[in-house]
Amino acid sequence: MKLRYSDPEAPTVTIDASRLVDEASFHAVFAEAFGFPGFYGRNWDAWNDCMGSLDEPDSGLTEVICAPGRVVTLVLENATEFREKRRDLYDALVECSAFVNWRRVTAGYPPVLVLAFYA
């Protein structure tokens, strides 16, 4: 995992998808990369909650924070291999990322997460 702050108000987090071999490793890698709290449930509902709070520094759900109205960019390295080996996790990542933004937009808040990878 690499965390880059080319723009401190809109950080970029890079994750090597070759580390995502099963659901347990997926949640462990994301918990490490984003600094999820110790009580993180390591399931998709908990992931959605943590990722949906990327612009809420007082939530305590993530250490990666963007400014209100900005986004966090998630760069997924080795995405093609990940998609081929673990299509279920790949699809869940895409669908849950879309859900995070959809839930925010329907509540009147801007999207907060951008995926950047070539699959």
PDB file of N, CA and C in Angstrom:
ATOM      1  N   MET A   1       0.848  -1.170   0.000  1.00  0.00           N
ATOM      2  CA  MET A   1       0.000   0.000   0.000  1.00  0.00           C
ATOM      3  C   MET A   1       0.887   1.223   0.000  1.00  0.00           C
ATOM      4  N   LYS A   2       0.523   2.171  -0.833  1.00  0.00           N
ATOM      5  CA  LYS A   2       1.205   3.456  -0.869  1.00  0.00           C
ATOM      6  C   LYS A   2       0.157   4.544  -0.725  1.00  0.00           C
ATOM      7  N   LEU A   3       0.449   5.484   0.127  1.00  0.00           N
ATOM      8  CA  LEU A   3      -0.433   6.627   0.296  1.00  0.00           C
ATOM      9  C   LEU A   3       0.315   7.833  -0.231  1.00  0.00           C
ATOM     10  N   ARG A   4      -0.282   8.516  -1.197  1.00  0.00           N
ATOM     11  CA  ARG A   4       0.356   9.687  -1.776  1.00  0.00           C
ATOM     12  C   ARG A   4      -0.545  10.886  -1.563  1.00  0.00           C
ATOM     13  N   TYR A   5       0.065  11.963  -1.184  1.00  0.00           N
ATOM     14  CA  TYR A   5      -0.676  13.198  -0.997  1.00  0.00           C
ATOM     15  C   TYR A   5      -0.179  14.233  -1.983  1.00  0.00           C
ATOM     16  N   SER A   6      -0.355  13.983  -3.264  1.00  0.00           N
ATOM     17  CA  SER A   6      -0.004  15.002  -4.236  1.00  0.00           C
ATOM     18  C   SER A   6      -0.889  16.228  -4.022  1.00  0.00           C
ATOM     19  N   ASP A   7      -2.084  16.007  -3.572  1.00  0.00           N
ATOM     20  CA  ASP A   7      -2.994  17.067  -3.170  1.00  0.00           C
ATOM     21  C   ASP A   7      -3.509  16.668  -1.782  1.00  0.00           C
ATOM     22  N   PRO A   8      -3.079  17.354  -0.730  1.00  0.00           N
ATOM     23  CA  PRO A   8      -3.475  16.931   0.612  1.00  0.00           C
ATOM     24  C   PRO A   8      -4.981  16.946   0.849  1.00  0.00           C
ATOM     25  N   GLU A   9      -5.713  17.643   0.010  1.00  0.00           N
ATOM     26  CA  GLU A   9      -7.170  17.663   0.176  1.00  0.00           C
ATOM     27  C   GLU A   9      -7.849  16.538  -0.591  1.00  0.00           C
ATOM     28  N   ALA A  10      -7.103  15.849  -1.452  1.00  0.00           N
ATOM     29  CA  ALA A  10      -7.657  14.755  -2.253  1.00  0.00           C
ATOM     30  C   ALA A  10      -6.601  13.663  -2.397  1.00  0.00           C
ATOM     31  N   PRO A  11      -6.387  12.869  -1.343  1.00  0.00           N
ATOM     32  CA  PRO A  11      -5.313  11.879  -1.364  1.00  0.00           C
ATOM     33  C   PRO A  11      -5.546  10.746  -2.360  1.00  0.00           C
ATOM     34  N   THR A  12      -4.455  10.125  -2.732  1.00  0.00           N
ATOM     35  CA  THR A  12      -4.470   8.943  -3.580  1.00  0.00           C
ATOM     36  C   THR A  12      -3.900   7.783  -2.780  1.00  0.00           C
ATOM     37  N   VAL A  13      -4.629   6.683  -2.742  1.00  0.00           N
ATOM     38  CA  VAL A  13      -4.178   5.472  -2.058  1.00  0.00           C
ATOM     39  C   VAL A  13      -3.979   4.403  -3.127  1.00  0.00           C
ATOM     40  N   THR A  14      -2.791   3.792  -3.141  1.00  0.00           N
ATOM     41  CA  THR A  14      -2.487   2.740  -4.106  1.00  0.00           C
ATOM     42  C   THR A  14      -2.412   1.411  -3.371  1.00  0.00           C
ATOM     43  N   ILE A  15      -3.143   0.440  -3.883  1.00  0.00           N
ATOM     44  CA  ILE A  15      -3.158  -0.902  -3.300  1.00  0.00           C
ATOM     45  C   ILE A  15      -2.736  -1.897  -4.364  1.00  0.00           C
ATOM     46  N   ASP A  16      -1.835  -2.784  -3.991  1.00  0.00           N
ATOM     47  CA  ASP A  16      -1.415  -3.873  -4.873  1.00  0.00           C
ATOM     48  C   ASP A  16      -2.453  -4.988  -4.751  1.00  0.00           C
ATOM     49  N   ALA A  17      -3.237  -5.169  -5.803  1.00  0.00           N
ATOM     50  CA  ALA A  17      -4.337  -6.143  -5.765  1.00  0.00           C
ATOM     51  C   ALA A  17      -3.851  -7.582  -5.686  1.00  0.00           C
ATOM     52  N   SER A  18      -2.580  -7.822  -5.928  1.00  0.00           N
ATOM     53  CA  SER A  18      -2.076  -9.195  -5.790  1.00  0.00           C
ATOM     54  C   SER A  18      -2.130  -9.647  -4.331  1.00  0.00           C
ATOM     55  N   ARG A  19      -2.276  -8.713  -3.405  1.00  0.00           N
ATOM     56  CA  ARG A  19      -2.407  -9.037  -1.988  1.00  0.00           C
ATOM     57  C   ARG A  19      -3.831  -9.444  -1.614  1.00  0.00           C
ATOM     58  N   LEU A  20      -4.781  -9.241  -2.518  1.00  0.00           N
ATOM     59  CA  LEU A  20      -6.192  -9.506  -2.246  1.00  0.00           C
ATOM     60  C   LEU A  20      -6.544 -10.907  -2.728  1.00  0.00           C
ATOM     61  N   VAL A  21      -6.215 -11.905  -1.936  1.00  0.00           N
ATOM     62  CA  VAL A  21      -6.374 -13.296  -2.367  1.00  0.00           C
ATOM     63  C   VAL A  21      -7.675 -13.936  -1.898  1.00  0.00           C
ATOM     64  N   ASP A  22      -8.290 -13.361  -0.875  1.00  0.00           N
ATOM     65  CA  ASP A  22      -9.576 -13.847  -0.389  1.00  0.00           C
ATOM     66  C   ASP A  22     -10.249 -12.694   0.355  1.00  0.00           C
ATOM     67  N   GLU A  23     -11.447 -12.939   0.843  1.00  0.00           N
ATOM     68  CA  GLU A  23     -12.177 -11.841   1.485  1.00  0.00           C
ATOM     69  C   GLU A  23     -11.474 -11.358   2.756  1.00  0.00           C
ATOM     70  N   ALA A  24     -10.891 -12.277   3.507  1.00  0.00           N
ATOM     71  CA  ALA A  24     -10.187 -11.878   4.730  1.00  0.00           C
ATOM     72  C   ALA A  24      -9.002 -10.973   4.407  1.00  0.00           C
ATOM     73  N   SER A  25      -8.216 -11.335   3.395  1.00  0.00           N
ATOM     74  CA  SER A  25      -7.061 -10.499   3.034  1.00  0.00           C
ATOM     75  C   SER A  25      -7.523  -9.170   2.451  1.00  0.00           C
ATOM     76  N   PHE A  26      -8.616  -9.182   1.705  1.00  0.00           N
ATOM     77  CA  PHE A  26      -9.159  -7.939   1.165  1.00  0.00           C
ATOM     78  C   PHE A  26      -9.416  -6.939   2.299  1.00  0.00           C
ATOM     79  N   HIS A  27     -10.134  -7.386   3.309  1.00  0.00           N
ATOM     80  CA  HIS A  27     -10.480  -6.488   4.408  1.00  0.00           C
ATOM     81  C   HIS A  27      -9.250  -6.113   5.233  1.00  0.00           C
ATOM     82  N   ALA A  28      -8.313  -7.019   5.400  1.00  0.00           N
ATOM     83  CA  ALA A  28      -7.085  -6.705   6.141  1.00  0.00           C
ATOM     84  C   ALA A  28      -6.266  -5.645   5.411  1.00  0.00           C
ATOM     85  N   VAL A  29      -6.130  -5.776   4.097  1.00  0.00           N
ATOM     86  CA  VAL A  29      -5.353  -4.817   3.312  1.00  0.00           C
ATOM     87  C   VAL A  29      -6.020  -3.447   3.339  1.00  0.00           C
ATOM     88  N   PHE A  30      -7.322  -3.395   3.168  1.00  0.00           N
ATOM     89  CA  PHE A  30      -8.022  -2.106   3.199  1.00  0.00           C
ATOM     90  C   PHE A  30      -7.992  -1.487   4.592  1.00  0.00           C
ATOM     91  N   ALA A  31      -8.116  -2.299   5.631  1.00  0.00           N
ATOM     92  CA  ALA A  31      -8.039  -1.774   6.994  1.00  0.00           C
ATOM     93  C   ALA A  31      -6.676  -1.139   7.235  1.00  0.00           C
ATOM     94  N   GLU A  32      -5.634  -1.780   6.751  1.00  0.00           N
ATOM     95  CA  GLU A  32      -4.274  -1.243   6.895  1.00  0.00           C
ATOM     96  C   GLU A  32      -4.099   0.026   6.059  1.00  0.00           C
ATOM     97  N   ALA A  33      -4.516  -0.032   4.803  1.00  0.00           N
ATOM     98  CA  ALA A  33      -4.287   1.082   3.879  1.00  0.00           C
ATOM     99  C   ALA A  33      -5.052   2.343   4.287  1.00  0.00           C
ATOM    100  N   PHE A  34      -6.257   2.167   4.782  1.00  0.00           N
ATOM    101  CA  PHE A  34      -7.100   3.321   5.105  1.00  0.00           C
ATOM    102  C   PHE A  34      -7.150   3.635   6.602  1.00  0.00           C
ATOM    103  N   GLY A  35      -6.515   2.804   7.407  1.00  0.00           N
ATOM    104  CA  GLY A  35      -6.515   3.058   8.838  1.00  0.00           C
ATOM    105  C   GLY A  35      -7.891   2.916   9.456  1.00  0.00           C
ATOM    106  N   PHE A  36      -8.602   1.849   9.075  1.00  0.00           N
ATOM    107  CA  PHE A  36      -9.903   1.601   9.681  1.00  0.00           C
ATOM    108  C   PHE A  36      -9.706   1.302  11.171  1.00  0.00           C
ATOM    109  N   PRO A  37     -10.712   1.556  12.002  1.00  0.00           N
ATOM    110  CA  PRO A  37     -10.560   1.352  13.451  1.00  0.00           C
ATOM    111  C   PRO A  37     -10.490  -0.137  13.820  1.00  0.00           C
ATOM    112  N   GLY A  38     -10.042  -0.388  15.018  1.00  0.00           N
ATOM    113  CA  GLY A  38      -9.928  -1.761  15.504  1.00  0.00           C
ATOM    114  C   GLY A  38     -11.236  -2.518  15.508  1.00  0.00           C
ATOM    115  N   PHE A  39     -12.337  -1.804  15.646  1.00  0.00           N
ATOM    116  CA  PHE A  39     -13.649  -2.473  15.667  1.00  0.00           C
ATOM    117  C   PHE A  39     -14.232  -2.693  14.269  1.00  0.00           C
ATOM    118  N   TYR A  40     -13.435  -2.390  13.228  1.00  0.00           N
ATOM    119  CA  TYR A  40     -13.890  -2.607  11.845  1.00  0.00           C
ATOM    120  C   TYR A  40     -14.378  -4.045  11.690  1.00  0.00           C
ATOM    121  N   GLY A  41     -15.585  -4.217  11.182  1.00  0.00           N
ATOM    122  CA  GLY A  41     -16.221  -5.521  11.115  1.00  0.00           C
ATOM    123  C   GLY A  41     -15.720  -6.472  10.053  1.00  0.00           C
ATOM    124  N   ARG A  42     -14.849  -6.012   9.175  1.00  0.00           N
ATOM    125  CA  ARG A  42     -14.263  -6.845   8.112  1.00  0.00           C
ATOM    126  C   ARG A  42     -15.340  -7.547   7.283  1.00  0.00           C
ATOM    127  N   ASN A  43     -16.346  -6.760   6.896  1.00  0.00           N
ATOM    128  CA  ASN A  43     -17.385  -7.236   5.990  1.00  0.00           C
ATOM    129  C   ASN A  43     -17.769  -6.068   5.092  1.00  0.00           C
ATOM    130  N   TRP A  44     -18.605  -6.333   4.103  1.00  0.00           N
ATOM    131  CA  TRP A  44     -18.918  -5.301   3.102  1.00  0.00           C
ATOM    132  C   TRP A  44     -19.708  -4.137   3.680  1.00  0.00           C
ATOM    133  N   ASP A  45     -20.608  -4.397   4.614  1.00  0.00           N
ATOM    134  CA  ASP A  45     -21.351  -3.292   5.229  1.00  0.00           C
ATOM    135  C   ASP A  45     -20.404  -2.358   5.981  1.00  0.00           C
ATOM    136  N   ALA A  46     -19.469  -2.933   6.722  1.00  0.00           N
ATOM    137  CA  ALA A  46     -18.497  -2.119   7.455  1.00  0.00           C
ATOM    138  C   ALA A  46     -17.591  -1.370   6.483  1.00  0.00           C
ATOM    139  N   TRP A  47     -17.189  -2.018   5.381  1.00  0.00           N
ATOM    140  CA  TRP A  47     -16.361  -1.368   4.358  1.00  0.00           C
ATOM    141  C   TRP A  47     -17.090  -0.161   3.789  1.00  0.00           C
ATOM    142  N   ASN A  48     -18.376  -0.350   3.451  1.00  0.00           N
ATOM    143  CA  ASN A  48     -19.176   0.758   2.917  1.00  0.00           C
ATOM    144  C   ASN A  48     -19.234   1.920   3.909  1.00  0.00           C
ATOM    145  N   ASP A  49     -19.419   1.626   5.168  1.00  0.00           N
ATOM    146  CA  ASP A  49     -19.500   2.681   6.179  1.00  0.00           C
ATOM    147  C   ASP A  49     -18.173   3.437   6.294  1.00  0.00           C
ATOM    148  N   CYS A  50     -17.070   2.706   6.358  1.00  0.00           N
ATOM    149  CA  CYS A  50     -15.762   3.357   6.488  1.00  0.00           C
ATOM    150  C   CYS A  50     -15.431   4.182   5.242  1.00  0.00           C
ATOM    151  N   MET A  51     -15.660   3.620   4.080  1.00  0.00           N
ATOM    152  CA  MET A  51     -15.321   4.330   2.845  1.00  0.00           C
ATOM    153  C   MET A  51     -16.268   5.503   2.611  1.00  0.00           C
ATOM    154  N   GLY A  52     -17.461   5.426   3.135  1.00  0.00           N
ATOM    155  CA  GLY A  52     -18.399   6.526   2.990  1.00  0.00           C
ATOM    156  C   GLY A  52     -18.095   7.713   3.894  1.00  0.00           C
ATOM    157  N   SER A  53     -17.118   7.548   4.790  1.00  0.00           N
ATOM    158  CA  SER A  53     -16.785   8.622   5.726  1.00  0.00           C
ATOM    159  C   SER A  53     -15.421   9.256   5.426  1.00  0.00           C
ATOM    160  N   LEU A  54     -14.969   9.130   4.193  1.00  0.00           N
ATOM    161  CA  LEU A  54     -13.638   9.626   3.825  1.00  0.00           C
ATOM    162  C   LEU A  54     -13.490  11.141   3.942  1.00  0.00           C
ATOM    163  N   ASP A  55     -14.589  11.852   4.044  1.00  0.00           N
ATOM    164  CA  ASP A  55     -14.505  13.307   4.226  1.00  0.00           C
ATOM    165  C   ASP A  55     -15.034  13.732   5.598  1.00  0.00           C
ATOM    166  N   GLU A  56     -15.055  12.796   6.528  1.00  0.00           N
ATOM    167  CA  GLU A  56     -15.549  13.061   7.882  1.00  0.00           C
ATOM    168  C   GLU A  56     -14.469  12.735   8.911  1.00  0.00           C
ATOM    169  N   PRO A  57     -13.543  13.660   9.153  1.00  0.00           N
ATOM    170  CA  PRO A  57     -12.417  13.362  10.052  1.00  0.00           C
ATOM    171  C   PRO A  57     -12.831  13.004  11.475  1.00  0.00           C
ATOM    172  N   ASP A  58     -13.966  13.475  11.926  1.00  0.00           N
ATOM    173  CA  ASP A  58     -14.403  13.191  13.289  1.00  0.00           C
ATOM    174  C   ASP A  58     -15.121  11.842  13.430  1.00  0.00           C
ATOM    175  N   SER A  59     -15.345  11.141  12.318  1.00  0.00           N
ATOM    176  CA  SER A  59     -16.056   9.867  12.385  1.00  0.00           C
ATOM    177  C   SER A  59     -15.214   8.783  13.045  1.00  0.00           C
ATOM    178  N   GLY A  60     -13.912   8.871  12.920  1.00  0.00           N
ATOM    179  CA  GLY A  60     -13.034   7.845  13.471  1.00  0.00           C
ATOM    180  C   GLY A  60     -13.043   6.553  12.686  1.00  0.00           C
ATOM    181  N   LEU A  61     -13.650   6.561  11.496  1.00  0.00           N
ATOM    182  CA  LEU A  61     -13.763   5.337  10.713  1.00  0.00           C
ATOM    183  C   LEU A  61     -12.629   5.136   9.713  1.00  0.00           C
ATOM    184  N   THR A  62     -11.824   6.153   9.476  1.00  0.00           N
ATOM    185  CA  THR A  62     -10.697   6.043   8.556  1.00  0.00           C
ATOM    186  C   THR A  62      -9.671   7.118   8.879  1.00  0.00           C
ATOM    187  N   GLU A  63      -8.417   6.787   8.624  1.00  0.00           N
ATOM    188  CA  GLU A  63      -7.349   7.770   8.803  1.00  0.00           C
ATOM    189  C   GLU A  63      -7.079   8.540   7.514  1.00  0.00           C
ATOM    190  N   VAL A  64      -7.585   8.039   6.389  1.00  0.00           N
ATOM    191  CA  VAL A  64      -7.437   8.734   5.109  1.00  0.00           C
ATOM    192  C   VAL A  64      -8.625   9.674   4.971  1.00  0.00           C
ATOM    193  N   ILE A  65      -8.329  10.949   4.849  1.00  0.00           N
ATOM    194  CA  ILE A  65      -9.389  11.960   4.826  1.00  0.00           C
ATOM    195  C   ILE A  65      -9.168  12.894   3.644  1.00  0.00           C
ATOM    196  N   CYS A  66     -10.259  13.217   2.961  1.00  0.00           N
ATOM    197  CA  CYS A  66     -10.214  14.243   1.925  1.00  0.00           C
ATOM    198  C   CYS A  66     -11.046  15.430   2.405  1.00  0.00           C
ATOM    199  N   ALA A  67     -10.809  16.559   1.785  1.00  0.00           N
ATOM    200  CA  ALA A  67     -11.572  17.759   2.122  1.00  0.00           C
ATOM    201  C   ALA A  67     -13.008  17.607   1.626  1.00  0.00           C
ATOM    202  N   PRO A  68     -13.977  18.242   2.276  1.00  0.00           N
ATOM    203  CA  PRO A  68     -15.361  18.195   1.791  1.00  0.00           C
ATOM    204  C   PRO A  68     -15.434  18.644   0.334  1.00  0.00           C
ATOM    205  N   GLY A  69     -16.170  17.891  -0.446  1.00  0.00           N
ATOM    206  CA  GLY A  69     -16.309  18.196  -1.863  1.00  0.00           C
ATOM    207  C   GLY A  69     -15.200  17.628  -2.731  1.00  0.00           C
ATOM    208  N   ARG A  70     -14.195  17.032  -2.129  1.00  0.00           N
ATOM    209  CA  ARG A  70     -13.094  16.410  -2.858  1.00  0.00           C
ATOM    210  C   ARG A  70     -13.262  14.901  -2.791  1.00  0.00           C
ATOM    211  N   VAL A  71     -12.370  14.159  -3.424  1.00  0.00           N
ATOM    212  CA  VAL A  71     -12.462  12.703  -3.446  1.00  0.00           C
ATOM    213  C   VAL A  71     -11.127  12.074  -3.077  1.00  0.00           C
ATOM    214  N   VAL A  72     -11.201  10.846  -2.622  1.00  0.00           N
ATOM    215  CA  VAL A  72     -10.033   9.997  -2.455  1.00  0.00           C
ATOM    216  C   VAL A  72      -9.971   9.112  -3.700  1.00  0.00           C
ATOM    217  N   THR A  73      -8.800   9.046  -4.303  1.00  0.00           N
ATOM    218  CA  THR A  73      -8.602   8.193  -5.475  1.00  0.00           C
ATOM    219  C   THR A  73      -7.956   6.893  -5.023  1.00  0.00           C
ATOM    220  N   LEU A  74      -8.585   5.785  -5.362  1.00  0.00           N
ATOM    221  CA  LEU A  74      -8.051   4.463  -5.070  1.00  0.00           C
ATOM    222  C   LEU A  74      -7.451   3.907  -6.354  1.00  0.00           C
ATOM    223  N   VAL A  75      -6.122   3.757  -6.371  1.00  0.00           N
ATOM    224  CA  VAL A  75      -5.426   3.173  -7.512  1.00  0.00           C
ATOM    225  C   VAL A  75      -5.190   1.709  -7.190  1.00  0.00           C
ATOM    226  N   LEU A  76      -5.676   0.841  -8.049  1.00  0.00           N
ATOM    227  CA  LEU A  76      -5.538  -0.596  -7.843  1.00  0.00           C
ATOM    228  C   LEU A  76      -4.513  -1.127  -8.835  1.00  0.00           C
ATOM    229  N   GLU A  77      -3.342  -1.509  -8.322  1.00  0.00           N
ATOM    230  CA  GLU A  77      -2.313  -2.107  -9.168  1.00  0.00           C
ATOM    231  C   GLU A  77      -2.619  -3.587  -9.373  1.00  0.00           C
ATOM    232  N   ASN A  78      -2.227  -4.122 -10.508  1.00  0.00           N
ATOM    233  CA  ASN A  78      -2.447  -5.539 -10.842  1.00  0.00           C
ATOM    234  C   ASN A  78      -3.933  -5.890 -10.878  1.00  0.00           C
ATOM    235  N   ALA A  79      -4.725  -4.963 -11.369  1.00  0.00           N
ATOM    236  CA  ALA A  79      -6.180  -5.149 -11.391  1.00  0.00           C
ATOM    237  C   ALA A  79      -6.614  -6.253 -12.337  1.00  0.00           C
ATOM    238  N   THR A  80      -5.937  -6.406 -13.472  1.00  0.00           N
ATOM    239  CA  THR A  80      -6.325  -7.446 -14.431  1.00  0.00           C
ATOM    240  C   THR A  80      -6.178  -8.824 -13.817  1.00  0.00           C
ATOM    241  N   GLU A  81      -5.059  -9.068 -13.197  1.00  0.00           N
ATOM    242  CA  GLU A  81      -4.821 -10.360 -12.540  1.00  0.00           C
ATOM    243  C   GLU A  81      -5.838 -10.591 -11.420  1.00  0.00           C
ATOM    244  N   PHE A  82      -6.105  -9.550 -10.650  1.00  0.00           N
ATOM    245  CA  PHE A  82      -7.092  -9.636  -9.572  1.00  0.00           C
ATOM    246  C   PHE A  82      -8.460  -9.994 -10.127  1.00  0.00           C
ATOM    247  N   ARG A  83      -8.854  -9.332 -11.194  1.00  0.00           N
ATOM    248  CA  ARG A  83     -10.160  -9.607 -11.796  1.00  0.00           C
ATOM    249  C   ARG A  83     -10.237 -11.050 -12.289  1.00  0.00           C
ATOM    250  N   GLU A  84      -9.163 -11.543 -12.874  1.00  0.00           N
ATOM    251  CA  GLU A  84      -9.160 -12.910 -13.398  1.00  0.00           C
ATOM    252  C   GLU A  84      -9.172 -13.960 -12.291  1.00  0.00           C
ATOM    253  N   LYS A  85      -8.438 -13.710 -11.217  1.00  0.00           N
ATOM    254  CA  LYS A  85      -8.324 -14.697 -10.144  1.00  0.00           C
ATOM    255  C   LYS A  85      -9.470 -14.627  -9.148  1.00  0.00           C
ATOM    256  N   ARG A  86      -9.955 -13.428  -8.872  1.00  0.00           N
ATOM    257  CA  ARG A  86     -10.995 -13.243  -7.855  1.00  0.00           C
ATOM    258  C   ARG A  86     -12.072 -12.304  -8.364  1.00  0.00           C
ATOM    259  N   ARG A  87     -12.776 -12.746  -9.390  1.00  0.00           N
ATOM    260  CA  ARG A  87     -13.811 -11.914 -10.000  1.00  0.00           C
ATOM    261  C   ARG A  87     -14.866 -11.496  -8.984  1.00  0.00           C
ATOM    262  N   ASP A  88     -15.154 -12.367  -8.027  1.00  0.00           N
ATOM    263  CA  ASP A  88     -16.150 -12.034  -7.012  1.00  0.00           C
ATOM    264  C   ASP A  88     -15.726 -10.821  -6.183  1.00  0.00           C
ATOM    265  N   LEU A  89     -14.471 -10.786  -5.756  1.00  0.00           N
ATOM    266  CA  LEU A  89     -13.980  -9.647  -4.973  1.00  0.00           C
ATOM    267  C   LEU A  89     -13.844  -8.396  -5.824  1.00  0.00           C
ATOM    268  N   TYR A  90     -13.401  -8.578  -7.056  1.00  0.00           N
ATOM    269  CA  TYR A  90     -13.288  -7.456  -7.988  1.00  0.00           C
ATOM    270  C   TYR A  90     -14.661  -6.804  -8.186  1.00  0.00           C
ATOM    271  N   ASP A  91     -15.658  -7.632  -8.481  1.00  0.00           N
ATOM    272  CA  ASP A  91     -17.012  -7.109  -8.686  1.00  0.00           C
ATOM    273  C   ASP A  91     -17.551  -6.455  -7.416  1.00  0.00           C
ATOM    274  N   ALA A  92     -17.282  -7.050  -6.264  1.00  0.00           N
ATOM    275  CA  ALA A  92     -17.747  -6.469  -5.005  1.00  0.00           C
ATOM    276  C   ALA A  92     -17.101  -5.108  -4.760  1.00  0.00           C
ATOM    277  N   LEU A  93     -15.807  -4.984  -5.074  1.00  0.00           N
ATOM    278  CA  LEU A  93     -15.127  -3.700  -4.912  1.00  0.00           C
ATOM    279  C   LEU A  93     -15.768  -2.628  -5.783  1.00  0.00           C
ATOM    280  N   VAL A  94     -16.025  -2.954  -7.032  1.00  0.00           N
ATOM    281  CA  VAL A  94     -16.629  -1.987  -7.953  1.00  0.00           C
ATOM    282  C   VAL A  94     -18.045  -1.637  -7.497  1.00  0.00           C
ATOM    283  N   GLU A  95     -18.839  -2.654  -7.179  1.00  0.00           N
ATOM    284  CA  GLU A  95     -20.219  -2.420  -6.775  1.00  0.00           C
ATOM    285  C   GLU A  95     -20.311  -1.653  -5.455  1.00  0.00           C
ATOM    286  N   CYS A  96     -19.479  -1.999  -4.491  1.00  0.00           N
ATOM    287  CA  CYS A  96     -19.533  -1.310  -3.202  1.00  0.00           C
ATOM    288  C   CYS A  96     -19.032   0.125  -3.323  1.00  0.00           C
ATOM    289  N   SER A  97     -18.039   0.356  -4.165  1.00  0.00           N
ATOM    290  CA  SER A  97     -17.574   1.725  -4.391  1.00  0.00           C
ATOM    291  C   SER A  97     -18.688   2.566  -4.998  1.00  0.00           C
ATOM    292  N   ALA A  98     -19.395   1.994  -5.959  1.00  0.00           N
ATOM    293  CA  ALA A  98     -20.521   2.707  -6.560  1.00  0.00           C
ATOM    294  C   ALA A  98     -21.609   2.948  -5.519  1.00  0.00           C
ATOM    295  N   PHE A  99     -21.850   1.964  -4.658  1.00  0.00           N
ATOM    296  CA  PHE A  99     -22.861   2.113  -3.614  1.00  0.00           C
ATOM    297  C   PHE A  99     -22.497   3.227  -2.638  1.00  0.00           C
ATOM    298  N   VAL A 100     -21.221   3.287  -2.241  1.00  0.00           N
ATOM    299  CA  VAL A 100     -20.771   4.344  -1.333  1.00  0.00           C
ATOM    300  C   VAL A 100     -21.147   5.713  -1.900  1.00  0.00           C
ATOM    301  N   ASN A 101     -20.817   5.923  -3.164  1.00  0.00           N
ATOM    302  CA  ASN A 101     -21.115   7.219  -3.785  1.00  0.00           C
ATOM    303  C   ASN A 101     -22.616   7.421  -3.977  1.00  0.00           C
ATOM    304  N   TRP A 102     -23.325   6.393  -4.391  1.00  0.00           N
ATOM    305  CA  TRP A 102     -24.774   6.496  -4.593  1.00  0.00           C
ATOM    306  C   TRP A 102     -25.474   6.872  -3.279  1.00  0.00           C
ATOM    307  N   ARG A 103     -25.097   6.204  -2.206  1.00  0.00           N
ATOM    308  CA  ARG A 103     -25.722   6.481  -0.909  1.00  0.00           C
ATOM    309  C   ARG A 103     -25.479   7.926  -0.496  1.00  0.00           C
ATOM    310  N   ARG A 104     -24.272   8.428  -0.754  1.00  0.00           N
ATOM    311  CA  ARG A 104     -23.968   9.814  -0.406  1.00  0.00           C
ATOM    312  C   ARG A 104     -24.769  10.790  -1.271  1.00  0.00           C
ATOM    313  N   VAL A 105     -24.816  10.522  -2.571  1.00  0.00           N
ATOM    314  CA  VAL A 105     -25.523  11.426  -3.485  1.00  0.00           C
ATOM    315  C   VAL A 105     -27.011  11.475  -3.144  1.00  0.00           C
ATOM    316  N   THR A 106     -27.602  10.322  -2.860  1.00  0.00           N
ATOM    317  CA  THR A 106     -29.033  10.312  -2.531  1.00  0.00           C
ATOM    318  C   THR A 106     -29.311  11.011  -1.202  1.00  0.00           C
ATOM    319  N   ALA A 107     -28.284  11.138  -0.345  1.00  0.00           N
ATOM    320  CA  ALA A 107     -28.440  11.847   0.924  1.00  0.00           C
ATOM    321  C   ALA A 107     -28.067  13.321   0.800  1.00  0.00           C
ATOM    322  N   GLY A 108     -27.702  13.751  -0.416  1.00  0.00           N
ATOM    323  CA  GLY A 108     -27.395  15.154  -0.639  1.00  0.00           C
ATOM    324  C   GLY A 108     -25.932  15.531  -0.487  1.00  0.00           C
ATOM    325  N   TYR A 109     -25.048  14.532  -0.446  1.00  0.00           N
ATOM    326  CA  TYR A 109     -23.608  14.782  -0.321  1.00  0.00           C
ATOM    327  C   TYR A 109     -22.915  14.406  -1.622  1.00  0.00           C
ATOM    328  N   PRO A 110     -21.746  14.998  -1.892  1.00  0.00           N
ATOM    329  CA  PRO A 110     -21.035  14.658  -3.129  1.00  0.00           C
ATOM    330  C   PRO A 110     -20.351  13.290  -3.024  1.00  0.00           C
ATOM    331  N   PRO A 111     -20.049  12.686  -4.180  1.00  0.00           N
ATOM    332  CA  PRO A 111     -19.262  11.438  -4.159  1.00  0.00           C
ATOM    333  C   PRO A 111     -17.934  11.672  -3.451  1.00  0.00           C
ATOM    334  N   VAL A 112     -17.369  10.584  -2.922  1.00  0.00           N
ATOM    335  CA  VAL A 112     -16.143  10.728  -2.129  1.00  0.00           C
ATOM    336  C   VAL A 112     -15.040   9.766  -2.569  1.00  0.00           C
ATOM    337  N   LEU A 113     -15.342   8.842  -3.478  1.00  0.00           N
ATOM    338  CA  LEU A 113     -14.394   7.800  -3.842  1.00  0.00           C
ATOM    339  C   LEU A 113     -14.318   7.647  -5.357  1.00  0.00           C
ATOM    340  N   VAL A 114     -13.083   7.608  -5.857  1.00  0.00           N
ATOM    341  CA  VAL A 114     -12.850   7.386  -7.284  1.00  0.00           C
ATOM    342  C   VAL A 114     -11.952   6.161  -7.419  1.00  0.00           C
ATOM    343  N   LEU A 115     -12.302   5.256  -8.321  1.00  0.00           N
ATOM    344  CA  LEU A 115     -11.451   4.111  -8.621  1.00  0.00           C
ATOM    345  C   LEU A 115     -10.630   4.422  -9.863  1.00  0.00           C
ATOM    346  N   ALA A 116      -9.369   4.043  -9.826  1.00  0.00           N
ATOM    347  CA  ALA A 116      -8.503   4.257 -10.974  1.00  0.00           C
ATOM    348  C   ALA A 116      -7.671   2.997 -11.195  1.00  0.00           C
ATOM    349  N   PHE A 117      -8.046   2.236 -12.211  1.00  0.00           N
ATOM    350  CA  PHE A 117      -7.262   1.069 -12.580  1.00  0.00           C
ATOM    351  C   PHE A 117      -7.652   0.620 -13.963  1.00  0.00           C
ATOM    352  N   TYR A 118      -6.742  -0.069 -14.567  1.00  0.00           N
ATOM    353  CA  TYR A 118      -6.995  -0.641 -15.864  1.00  0.00           C
ATOM    354  C   TYR A 118      -7.165  -2.122 -15.686  1.00  0.00           C
ATOM    355  N   ALA A 119      -8.301  -2.614 -16.059  1.00  0.00           N
ATOM    356  CA  ALA A 119      -8.550  -4.052 -15.876  1.00  0.00           C
ATOM    357  C   ALA A 119      -8.704  -4.649 -17.228  1.00  0.00           C
TER     358      ALA A 119
END
